[in-house]
Amino acid sequence: MKKYEMRLVSPAHRQAAMQTLQKAPDGALVTISDEPRTHEQNRKLWPMLKDVSEQILWDGEHLTPEEWKDLLSAAFKSAKIVSGLYGGGVAVGTSTSKMGKKKFSEFIEFIYSEGAERGVAWSEPALDVYAQYREAQ
């Protein structure tokens, strides 16, 4: 069976999607998802995490940008913490890879807010990408 993808941006698009659905054979799979995040949003994340990792001590140490991504996404998503297999704790359900455009935008704003509360001075790359990002919204 041929794969169909449609972006629902008007009543006409919704009608076309409904007609396609009416013609779909039994057993067909239908998926409705949020608009995917943009390349600009992806580019925005890592300069921000680099700024945070260089400027904030967490439990007396500098975390890597990757560790900050885990920590911030766990806080943003109010992640559940479970015991690790060999001790410690693990935040489950914190992946950002499936965040759509709107949710990822909220995550970026969350990072700015958390950084601002902790005195992060945003670098030029983070600010430049942020300015482009805000204009595109």
N, C-alpha and C. Protein backbone atom coordinates (compact mmCIF):
# COMPACT_ATOMS: atom_id res chain seq x y z
N MET A 1 0.84 -1.18 0.00
CA MET A 1 0.00 0.00 0.00
C MET A 1 0.88 1.24 0.00
N LYS A 2 0.47 2.24 -0.71
CA LYS A 2 1.18 3.51 -0.78
C LYS A 2 1.04 4.26 0.53
N LYS A 3 2.12 4.95 0.96
CA LYS A 3 2.10 5.73 2.19
C LYS A 3 1.65 7.15 1.89
N TYR A 4 0.73 7.68 2.70
CA TYR A 4 0.23 9.05 2.54
C TYR A 4 0.58 9.87 3.78
N GLU A 5 1.05 11.07 3.54
CA GLU A 5 1.25 12.03 4.63
C GLU A 5 0.59 13.32 4.23
N MET A 6 -0.17 13.91 5.13
CA MET A 6 -0.85 15.18 4.86
C MET A 6 -0.68 16.09 6.05
N ARG A 7 -0.41 17.35 5.79
CA ARG A 7 -0.35 18.36 6.84
C ARG A 7 -1.72 19.03 6.89
N LEU A 8 -2.35 18.99 8.04
CA LEU A 8 -3.69 19.55 8.20
C LEU A 8 -3.58 21.04 8.52
N VAL A 9 -3.78 21.87 7.48
CA VAL A 9 -3.66 23.32 7.66
C VAL A 9 -4.93 24.07 7.28
N SER A 10 -5.94 23.34 6.84
CA SER A 10 -7.19 24.00 6.45
C SER A 10 -8.31 22.96 6.44
N PRO A 11 -9.55 23.43 6.40
CA PRO A 11 -10.67 22.48 6.29
C PRO A 11 -10.57 21.60 5.03
N ALA A 12 -10.07 22.14 3.95
CA ALA A 12 -9.93 21.35 2.73
C ALA A 12 -8.94 20.19 2.92
N HIS A 13 -7.87 20.46 3.65
CA HIS A 13 -6.89 19.40 3.92
C HIS A 13 -7.51 18.31 4.81
N ARG A 14 -8.30 18.73 5.78
CA ARG A 14 -8.96 17.76 6.65
C ARG A 14 -9.94 16.89 5.84
N GLN A 15 -10.66 17.52 4.91
CA GLN A 15 -11.60 16.79 4.08
C GLN A 15 -10.87 15.77 3.20
N ALA A 16 -9.74 16.18 2.63
CA ALA A 16 -8.95 15.27 1.80
C ALA A 16 -8.44 14.10 2.63
N ALA A 17 -8.02 14.39 3.86
CA ALA A 17 -7.54 13.33 4.75
C ALA A 17 -8.67 12.35 5.07
N MET A 18 -9.86 12.87 5.30
CA MET A 18 -11.01 12.01 5.60
C MET A 18 -11.37 11.14 4.40
N GLN A 19 -11.28 11.70 3.20
CA GLN A 19 -11.58 10.91 2.00
C GLN A 19 -10.55 9.79 1.83
N THR A 20 -9.29 10.11 2.09
CA THR A 20 -8.24 9.09 2.00
C THR A 20 -8.49 8.00 3.03
N LEU A 21 -8.88 8.38 4.21
CA LEU A 21 -9.18 7.43 5.28
C LEU A 21 -10.34 6.52 4.90
N GLN A 22 -11.38 7.09 4.27
CA GLN A 22 -12.54 6.30 3.85
C GLN A 22 -12.14 5.21 2.85
N LYS A 23 -11.14 5.49 2.03
CA LYS A 23 -10.71 4.54 0.99
C LYS A 23 -9.67 3.55 1.48
N ALA A 24 -9.14 3.77 2.69
CA ALA A 24 -8.07 2.91 3.19
C ALA A 24 -8.57 1.49 3.42
N PRO A 25 -7.75 0.50 3.09
CA PRO A 25 -8.16 -0.90 3.30
C PRO A 25 -8.15 -1.26 4.78
N ASP A 26 -8.89 -2.29 5.13
CA ASP A 26 -8.86 -2.80 6.49
C ASP A 26 -7.41 -3.16 6.83
N GLY A 27 -7.04 -2.88 8.04
CA GLY A 27 -5.69 -3.20 8.49
C GLY A 27 -4.69 -2.08 8.28
N ALA A 28 -5.11 -1.01 7.61
CA ALA A 28 -4.21 0.12 7.39
C ALA A 28 -3.91 0.79 8.73
N LEU A 29 -2.75 1.37 8.84
CA LEU A 29 -2.31 2.06 10.06
C LEU A 29 -2.47 3.56 9.86
N VAL A 30 -3.12 4.23 10.82
CA VAL A 30 -3.31 5.68 10.77
C VAL A 30 -2.54 6.29 11.93
N THR A 31 -1.73 7.30 11.66
CA THR A 31 -0.97 7.99 12.68
C THR A 31 -1.22 9.48 12.57
N ILE A 32 -1.53 10.11 13.68
CA ILE A 32 -1.66 11.56 13.71
C ILE A 32 -0.64 12.05 14.71
N SER A 33 0.22 12.97 14.29
CA SER A 33 1.29 13.43 15.17
C SER A 33 1.41 14.95 15.13
N ASP A 34 2.14 15.47 16.11
CA ASP A 34 2.42 16.90 16.14
C ASP A 34 3.35 17.26 14.99
N GLU A 35 3.36 18.54 14.64
CA GLU A 35 4.28 19.04 13.63
C GLU A 35 5.70 18.82 14.14
N PRO A 36 6.59 18.23 13.32
CA PRO A 36 7.94 17.95 13.80
C PRO A 36 8.71 19.24 14.08
N ARG A 37 9.66 19.13 15.00
CA ARG A 37 10.47 20.30 15.31
C ARG A 37 11.36 20.65 14.13
N THR A 38 11.84 21.88 14.13
CA THR A 38 12.60 22.39 13.00
C THR A 38 14.10 22.20 13.19
N HIS A 39 14.82 22.32 12.10
CA HIS A 39 16.29 22.28 12.13
C HIS A 39 16.81 23.41 13.02
N GLU A 40 16.18 24.57 12.92
CA GLU A 40 16.61 25.72 13.73
C GLU A 40 16.46 25.41 15.22
N GLN A 41 15.41 24.73 15.59
CA GLN A 41 15.24 24.37 17.00
C GLN A 41 16.34 23.40 17.44
N ASN A 42 16.68 22.45 16.60
CA ASN A 42 17.75 21.51 16.93
C ASN A 42 19.08 22.25 17.10
N ARG A 43 19.37 23.19 16.22
CA ARG A 43 20.63 23.96 16.29
C ARG A 43 20.69 24.82 17.54
N LYS A 44 19.56 25.21 18.05
CA LYS A 44 19.47 26.10 19.20
C LYS A 44 19.89 25.40 20.49
N LEU A 45 19.55 24.16 20.63
CA LEU A 45 19.72 23.44 21.88
C LEU A 45 21.16 23.37 22.38
N TRP A 46 22.08 22.97 21.52
CA TRP A 46 23.44 22.66 21.98
C TRP A 46 24.26 23.88 22.39
N PRO A 47 24.17 25.03 21.73
CA PRO A 47 24.87 26.21 22.27
C PRO A 47 24.34 26.60 23.66
N MET A 48 23.04 26.44 23.87
CA MET A 48 22.46 26.74 25.17
C MET A 48 22.99 25.78 26.24
N LEU A 49 23.00 24.50 25.92
CA LEU A 49 23.49 23.51 26.89
C LEU A 49 24.97 23.69 27.18
N LYS A 50 25.72 24.11 26.18
CA LYS A 50 27.15 24.39 26.39
C LYS A 50 27.32 25.55 27.36
N ASP A 51 26.55 26.62 27.19
CA ASP A 51 26.61 27.76 28.11
C ASP A 51 26.28 27.32 29.54
N VAL A 52 25.22 26.54 29.69
CA VAL A 52 24.81 26.08 31.02
C VAL A 52 25.91 25.20 31.63
N SER A 53 26.46 24.30 30.84
CA SER A 53 27.47 23.36 31.36
C SER A 53 28.74 24.07 31.80
N GLU A 54 29.09 25.16 31.14
CA GLU A 54 30.31 25.89 31.48
C GLU A 54 30.12 26.83 32.67
N GLN A 55 28.89 27.23 32.94
CA GLN A 55 28.67 28.28 33.93
C GLN A 55 28.01 27.83 35.23
N ILE A 56 27.43 26.66 35.26
CA ILE A 56 26.72 26.23 36.47
C ILE A 56 27.38 24.98 37.04
N LEU A 57 27.65 25.03 38.32
CA LEU A 57 28.08 23.85 39.05
C LEU A 57 26.84 23.14 39.57
N TRP A 58 26.78 21.83 39.39
CA TRP A 58 25.67 21.04 39.90
C TRP A 58 26.25 20.00 40.84
N ASP A 59 25.83 20.03 42.08
CA ASP A 59 26.39 19.15 43.11
C ASP A 59 27.91 19.24 43.14
N GLY A 60 28.42 20.47 42.95
CA GLY A 60 29.86 20.72 43.06
C GLY A 60 30.68 20.39 41.84
N GLU A 61 30.05 20.08 40.72
CA GLU A 61 30.82 19.76 39.51
C GLU A 61 30.15 20.33 38.27
N HIS A 62 30.97 20.47 37.22
CA HIS A 62 30.43 20.89 35.93
C HIS A 62 29.95 19.65 35.19
N LEU A 63 28.70 19.64 34.84
CA LEU A 63 28.15 18.55 34.03
C LEU A 63 28.43 18.83 32.56
N THR A 64 28.42 17.77 31.75
CA THR A 64 28.59 17.93 30.30
C THR A 64 27.28 18.47 29.71
N PRO A 65 27.32 19.01 28.49
CA PRO A 65 26.06 19.41 27.84
C PRO A 65 25.06 18.26 27.75
N GLU A 66 25.54 17.05 27.49
CA GLU A 66 24.65 15.89 27.39
C GLU A 66 23.99 15.60 28.74
N GLU A 67 24.77 15.72 29.84
CA GLU A 67 24.20 15.49 31.16
C GLU A 67 23.18 16.57 31.51
N TRP A 68 23.47 17.82 31.12
CA TRP A 68 22.50 18.89 31.35
C TRP A 68 21.22 18.66 30.55
N LYS A 69 21.35 18.13 29.34
CA LYS A 69 20.16 17.82 28.54
C LYS A 69 19.30 16.82 29.28
N ASP A 70 19.92 15.78 29.84
CA ASP A 70 19.17 14.78 30.61
C ASP A 70 18.51 15.41 31.83
N LEU A 71 19.27 16.22 32.57
CA LEU A 71 18.75 16.84 33.79
C LEU A 71 17.60 17.80 33.49
N LEU A 72 17.79 18.65 32.48
CA LEU A 72 16.75 19.63 32.13
C LEU A 72 15.51 18.97 31.53
N SER A 73 15.71 17.98 30.67
CA SER A 73 14.54 17.33 30.07
C SER A 73 13.77 16.54 31.13
N ALA A 74 14.46 15.97 32.11
CA ALA A 74 13.78 15.26 33.19
C ALA A 74 12.94 16.24 34.01
N ALA A 75 13.49 17.42 34.29
CA ALA A 75 12.73 18.43 35.05
C ALA A 75 11.56 18.95 34.22
N PHE A 76 11.79 19.21 32.94
CA PHE A 76 10.75 19.74 32.06
C PHE A 76 9.58 18.78 31.94
N LYS A 77 9.88 17.52 31.83
CA LYS A 77 8.83 16.51 31.63
C LYS A 77 8.34 15.90 32.94
N SER A 78 8.81 16.43 34.08
CA SER A 78 8.45 15.87 35.38
C SER A 78 8.63 14.35 35.35
N ALA A 79 9.84 13.94 34.99
CA ALA A 79 10.13 12.53 34.78
C ALA A 79 10.02 11.72 36.06
N LYS A 80 9.70 10.49 35.89
CA LYS A 80 9.66 9.53 36.98
C LYS A 80 11.09 9.03 37.21
N ILE A 81 11.50 8.96 38.47
CA ILE A 81 12.83 8.47 38.81
C ILE A 81 12.68 7.05 39.36
N VAL A 82 13.43 6.12 38.77
CA VAL A 82 13.41 4.73 39.24
C VAL A 82 14.82 4.34 39.66
N SER A 83 14.92 3.32 40.45
CA SER A 83 16.23 2.82 40.88
C SER A 83 16.97 2.25 39.69
N GLY A 84 18.27 2.54 39.63
CA GLY A 84 19.10 1.98 38.57
C GLY A 84 19.36 0.51 38.80
N LEU A 85 19.78 -0.18 37.77
CA LEU A 85 20.05 -1.61 37.89
C LEU A 85 21.14 -1.90 38.93
N TYR A 86 22.13 -1.01 39.02
CA TYR A 86 23.26 -1.22 39.93
C TYR A 86 23.41 -0.05 40.89
N GLY A 87 22.28 0.54 41.32
CA GLY A 87 22.31 1.66 42.25
C GLY A 87 22.04 2.96 41.53
N GLY A 88 21.96 4.02 42.30
CA GLY A 88 21.66 5.33 41.71
C GLY A 88 20.22 5.40 41.25
N GLY A 89 19.91 6.47 40.55
CA GLY A 89 18.57 6.66 40.03
C GLY A 89 18.61 6.94 38.54
N VAL A 90 17.53 6.66 37.86
CA VAL A 90 17.41 6.88 36.43
C VAL A 90 16.09 7.59 36.16
N ALA A 91 16.16 8.69 35.41
CA ALA A 91 14.95 9.39 34.99
C ALA A 91 14.44 8.70 33.72
N VAL A 92 13.24 8.19 33.76
CA VAL A 92 12.69 7.49 32.60
C VAL A 92 11.72 8.39 31.84
N GLY A 93 11.66 8.18 30.54
CA GLY A 93 10.72 8.93 29.71
C GLY A 93 11.14 10.35 29.43
N THR A 94 12.45 10.61 29.35
CA THR A 94 12.92 11.99 29.20
C THR A 94 13.40 12.34 27.80
N SER A 95 13.30 11.44 26.86
CA SER A 95 13.80 11.70 25.52
C SER A 95 13.13 12.93 24.89
N THR A 96 13.94 13.73 24.19
CA THR A 96 13.40 14.88 23.48
C THR A 96 13.19 14.58 22.00
N SER A 97 13.62 13.42 21.55
CA SER A 97 13.60 13.13 20.11
C SER A 97 12.20 13.10 19.50
N LYS A 98 11.21 12.81 20.31
CA LYS A 98 9.85 12.75 19.78
C LYS A 98 9.05 14.02 20.06
N MET A 99 9.69 15.03 20.64
CA MET A 99 8.99 16.29 20.89
C MET A 99 8.69 16.97 19.57
N GLY A 100 7.46 17.40 19.42
CA GLY A 100 7.07 18.17 18.25
C GLY A 100 7.55 19.61 18.36
N LYS A 101 7.21 20.39 17.36
CA LYS A 101 7.66 21.78 17.28
C LYS A 101 7.23 22.60 18.49
N LYS A 102 5.97 22.50 18.86
CA LYS A 102 5.44 23.30 19.97
C LYS A 102 6.07 22.90 21.30
N LYS A 103 6.12 21.61 21.57
CA LYS A 103 6.68 21.13 22.84
C LYS A 103 8.17 21.45 22.93
N PHE A 104 8.89 21.33 21.81
CA PHE A 104 10.33 21.63 21.82
C PHE A 104 10.54 23.13 22.04
N SER A 105 9.67 23.95 21.49
CA SER A 105 9.73 25.39 21.72
C SER A 105 9.57 25.69 23.21
N GLU A 106 8.64 25.01 23.85
CA GLU A 106 8.44 25.17 25.30
C GLU A 106 9.68 24.72 26.07
N PHE A 107 10.33 23.65 25.60
CA PHE A 107 11.55 23.16 26.24
C PHE A 107 12.68 24.19 26.14
N ILE A 108 12.84 24.80 24.98
CA ILE A 108 13.86 25.84 24.80
C ILE A 108 13.60 27.00 25.76
N GLU A 109 12.36 27.43 25.84
CA GLU A 109 12.00 28.52 26.76
C GLU A 109 12.26 28.11 28.21
N PHE A 110 12.01 26.87 28.55
CA PHE A 110 12.27 26.34 29.88
C PHE A 110 13.76 26.44 30.21
N ILE A 111 14.61 26.07 29.26
CA ILE A 111 16.06 26.14 29.47
C ILE A 111 16.49 27.59 29.69
N TYR A 112 15.96 28.52 28.88
CA TYR A 112 16.28 29.93 29.09
C TYR A 112 15.86 30.38 30.49
N SER A 113 14.70 30.00 30.90
CA SER A 113 14.20 30.39 32.22
C SER A 113 15.09 29.84 33.33
N GLU A 114 15.40 28.56 33.26
CA GLU A 114 16.25 27.93 34.27
C GLU A 114 17.64 28.56 34.28
N GLY A 115 18.20 28.82 33.08
CA GLY A 115 19.51 29.45 33.01
C GLY A 115 19.50 30.85 33.58
N ALA A 116 18.45 31.61 33.27
CA ALA A 116 18.34 32.98 33.78
C ALA A 116 18.26 32.98 35.30
N GLU A 117 17.51 32.04 35.88
CA GLU A 117 17.41 31.95 37.33
C GLU A 117 18.74 31.63 37.99
N ARG A 118 19.64 31.01 37.24
CA ARG A 118 20.93 30.60 37.79
C ARG A 118 22.07 31.48 37.30
N GLY A 119 21.73 32.61 36.66
CA GLY A 119 22.73 33.59 36.27
C GLY A 119 23.55 33.27 35.03
N VAL A 120 23.04 32.45 34.13
CA VAL A 120 23.78 32.13 32.91
C VAL A 120 23.85 33.37 32.02
N ALA A 121 25.06 33.69 31.58
CA ALA A 121 25.26 34.74 30.57
C ALA A 121 25.34 34.02 29.23
N TRP A 122 24.31 34.19 28.42
CA TRP A 122 24.23 33.44 27.17
C TRP A 122 25.28 33.93 26.19
N SER A 123 25.95 32.98 25.55
CA SER A 123 27.00 33.30 24.57
C SER A 123 26.40 33.85 23.29
N GLU A 124 27.24 34.43 22.48
CA GLU A 124 26.79 34.98 21.20
C GLU A 124 26.12 33.91 20.32
N PRO A 125 26.70 32.69 20.19
CA PRO A 125 26.01 31.68 19.36
C PRO A 125 24.61 31.37 19.87
N ALA A 126 24.46 31.23 21.18
CA ALA A 126 23.13 30.92 21.73
C ALA A 126 22.17 32.06 21.48
N LEU A 127 22.63 33.30 21.65
CA LEU A 127 21.76 34.46 21.43
C LEU A 127 21.40 34.64 19.96
N ASP A 128 22.38 34.44 19.07
CA ASP A 128 22.11 34.58 17.62
C ASP A 128 21.05 33.59 17.17
N VAL A 129 21.22 32.35 17.54
CA VAL A 129 20.27 31.33 17.13
C VAL A 129 18.91 31.61 17.77
N TYR A 130 18.91 32.09 19.00
CA TYR A 130 17.65 32.41 19.68
C TYR A 130 16.91 33.54 18.94
N ALA A 131 17.64 34.57 18.51
CA ALA A 131 17.01 35.68 17.78
C ALA A 131 16.37 35.15 16.49
N GLN A 132 17.08 34.31 15.75
CA GLN A 132 16.53 33.74 14.51
C GLN A 132 15.32 32.88 14.82
N TYR A 133 15.43 32.12 15.89
CA TYR A 133 14.37 31.22 16.30
C TYR A 133 13.10 31.99 16.65
N ARG A 134 13.23 33.09 17.41
CA ARG A 134 12.06 33.88 17.80
C ARG A 134 11.41 34.55 16.58
N GLU A 135 12.23 35.00 15.62
CA GLU A 135 11.68 35.63 14.41
C GLU A 135 10.89 34.63 13.59
N ALA A 136 11.29 33.38 13.60
CA ALA A 136 10.64 32.35 12.79
C ALA A 136 9.31 31.89 13.37
N GLN A 137 9.04 32.19 14.62
CA GLN A 137 7.79 31.72 15.24
C GLN A 137 6.59 32.47 14.75
